[in-house]
Protein backbone atom coordinates (compact mmCIF):
# COMPACT_ATOMS: atom_id res chain seq x y z
CA UNK A 1 -119.97 -18.43 -31.68
CA UNK A 2 -123.76 -17.65 -32.12
CA UNK A 3 -124.79 -18.13 -35.91
CA UNK A 4 -127.80 -15.87 -37.46
CA UNK A 5 -130.40 -18.25 -37.18
CA UNK A 6 -129.69 -18.79 -33.42
CA UNK A 7 -130.11 -14.97 -32.42
CA UNK A 8 -133.27 -13.53 -30.62
CA UNK A 9 -135.24 -11.31 -33.33
CA UNK A 10 -136.34 -8.47 -31.83
CA UNK A 11 -138.83 -5.67 -33.99
CA UNK A 12 -139.24 -2.68 -32.03
CA UNK A 13 -141.66 -0.12 -33.14
CA UNK A 14 -141.04 3.58 -33.08
CA UNK A 15 -144.22 5.91 -32.88
CA UNK A 16 -142.36 9.35 -34.16
CA UNK A 17 -144.98 11.79 -33.50
CA UNK A 18 -147.98 9.94 -33.62
CA UNK A 19 -150.78 8.83 -32.04
CA UNK A 20 -153.33 10.20 -29.75
CA UNK A 21 -154.77 8.27 -26.47
CA UNK A 22 -158.03 6.42 -28.12
CA UNK A 23 -155.68 5.39 -31.18
CA UNK A 24 -152.49 4.31 -29.17
CA UNK A 25 -155.31 2.27 -27.05
CA UNK A 26 -156.60 0.28 -29.73
CA UNK A 27 -153.17 -0.62 -31.06
CA UNK A 28 -151.61 -1.64 -27.74
CA UNK A 29 -154.76 -3.92 -27.19
CA UNK A 30 -153.87 -5.27 -30.66
CA UNK A 31 -149.83 -5.51 -29.89
CA UNK A 32 -150.66 -7.22 -26.53
CA UNK A 33 -152.90 -9.58 -28.67
CA UNK A 34 -150.71 -10.88 -30.84
CA UNK A 35 -147.41 -11.21 -28.94
CA UNK A 36 -148.24 -15.06 -27.84
CA UNK A 37 -148.46 -15.80 -31.57
CA UNK A 38 -144.85 -13.84 -31.88
CA UNK A 39 -141.74 -15.63 -33.10
CA UNK A 40 -139.94 -13.06 -31.66
CA UNK A 41 -139.43 -9.94 -29.11
CA UNK A 42 -141.98 -7.17 -29.76
CA UNK A 43 -141.49 -3.83 -28.04
CA UNK A 44 -142.39 -0.30 -28.81
CA UNK A 45 -140.63 3.26 -28.34
CA UNK A 46 -143.97 5.93 -27.94
CA UNK A 47 -143.46 9.56 -27.17
CA UNK A 48 -142.44 10.28 -23.92
CA UNK A 49 -146.46 11.71 -23.06
CA UNK A 50 -147.92 7.87 -24.00
CA UNK A 51 -145.53 6.31 -21.59
CA UNK A 52 -147.47 5.91 -18.83
CA UNK A 53 -150.26 4.48 -21.04
CA UNK A 54 -148.14 1.76 -22.70
CA UNK A 55 -146.71 0.73 -19.16
CA UNK A 56 -150.39 0.06 -18.37
CA UNK A 57 -151.60 -1.56 -21.68
CA UNK A 58 -148.50 -3.77 -21.53
CA UNK A 59 -147.49 -4.80 -18.19
CA UNK A 60 -148.29 -8.85 -17.35
CA UNK A 61 -147.57 -9.47 -21.50
CA UNK A 62 -144.45 -9.78 -23.39
CA UNK A 63 -144.45 -6.79 -25.20
CA UNK A 64 -141.68 -4.38 -23.84
CA UNK A 65 -142.27 -0.59 -24.42
CA UNK A 66 -139.52 2.41 -24.32
CA UNK A 67 -138.48 5.46 -25.14
CA UNK A 68 -137.74 7.16 -28.41
CA UNK A 69 -134.57 9.21 -26.70
CA UNK A 70 -132.84 10.06 -23.69
CA UNK A 71 -131.05 12.36 -22.45
CA UNK A 72 -127.13 11.73 -21.91
CA UNK A 73 -127.55 13.63 -18.26
CA UNK A 74 -128.91 12.21 -15.04
CA UNK A 75 -130.49 15.55 -14.09
CA UNK A 76 -129.95 19.20 -14.04
CA UNK A 77 -131.44 21.69 -15.77
CA UNK A 78 -131.65 20.48 -19.13
CA UNK A 79 -135.52 22.10 -20.12
CA UNK A 80 -137.38 19.30 -22.30
CA UNK A 81 -134.76 16.28 -21.89
CA UNK A 82 -135.56 12.96 -20.13
CA UNK A 83 -133.41 10.94 -18.56
CA UNK A 84 -132.49 7.65 -18.11
CA UNK A 85 -133.39 7.24 -14.33
CA UNK A 86 -137.08 9.06 -15.44
CA UNK A 87 -137.73 6.31 -18.15
CA UNK A 88 -136.76 3.58 -15.79
CA UNK A 89 -139.57 4.65 -13.71
CA UNK A 90 -142.20 4.15 -16.09
CA UNK A 91 -141.18 0.54 -16.32
CA UNK A 92 -139.05 1.35 -20.19
CA UNK A 93 -136.38 -1.11 -21.09
CA UNK A 94 -135.15 0.54 -24.32
CA UNK A 95 -134.45 4.41 -25.43
CA UNK A 96 -133.53 5.06 -28.86
CA UNK A 97 -130.29 6.92 -29.50
CA UNK A 98 -129.23 8.64 -32.53
CA UNK A 99 -132.10 8.13 -34.69
CA UNK A 100 -131.43 9.56 -38.12
CA UNK A 101 -134.23 12.05 -37.38
CA UNK A 102 -132.76 13.72 -34.32
CA UNK A 103 -128.74 13.49 -35.96
CA UNK A 104 -130.39 15.49 -39.12
CA UNK A 105 -132.92 17.56 -37.03
CA UNK A 106 -130.92 17.96 -33.96
CA UNK A 107 -127.08 17.94 -34.84
CA UNK A 108 -126.85 14.96 -32.84
CA UNK A 109 -123.27 13.74 -33.02
CA UNK A 110 -121.51 10.30 -32.56
CA UNK A 111 -120.05 11.68 -29.47
CA UNK A 112 -123.76 12.64 -28.15
CA UNK A 113 -124.76 9.14 -29.62
CA UNK A 114 -122.24 7.32 -27.23
CA UNK A 115 -123.48 9.96 -24.49
CA UNK A 116 -127.26 8.84 -24.53
CA UNK A 117 -126.28 5.27 -24.82
CA UNK A 118 -124.31 4.79 -21.95
CA UNK A 119 -126.53 7.03 -19.90
CA UNK A 120 -129.22 4.32 -20.83
CA UNK A 121 -126.71 1.42 -19.64
CA UNK A 122 -126.58 3.23 -16.61
CA UNK A 123 -130.21 3.92 -16.06
CA UNK A 124 -130.55 -0.09 -16.50
CA UNK A 125 -132.28 0.25 -20.12
CA UNK A 126 -131.15 -1.39 -23.18
CA UNK A 127 -129.87 1.38 -25.51
CA UNK A 128 -131.05 1.12 -29.17
CA UNK A 129 -128.38 3.08 -31.04
CA UNK A 130 -129.03 4.10 -34.90
CA UNK A 131 -126.52 4.06 -36.98
CA UNK A 132 -128.31 3.93 -40.31
CA UNK A 133 -127.96 6.97 -42.99
CA UNK A 134 -130.68 8.63 -45.13
CA UNK A 135 -131.20 7.83 -48.35
CA UNK A 136 -129.77 10.77 -49.63
CA UNK A 137 -126.22 9.88 -47.69
CA UNK A 138 -126.84 5.93 -49.05
CA UNK A 139 -127.01 7.22 -52.84
């Protein structure tokens, strides 16, 4: 049995709907420089439009990148959705599934989140399944 002390640590930042090309460039440069001194794995989940920028800035570094969501579908007429294979083409390692905001604002159920996680795995991505609750739910 592995103790908590021996488990790999991951810090994965979710940009939400923030950033622009200029701001992102500075942040990605700082992340790339900081990775050598880190005692844990570092990754960022960026908005879809910035995946190419993250890939370009972080390729060759220890910082990985991923997407803030993934479709449960591999292909088809799902306007606005982004499939696991599409994310994999951008070098994504991670795909968030079931973030509390997606559950609240888009009505994502546990079944939808499970389907998204399976789709991510099928595409060779590591799903990051979010299971937390809002502060109101916790209170």
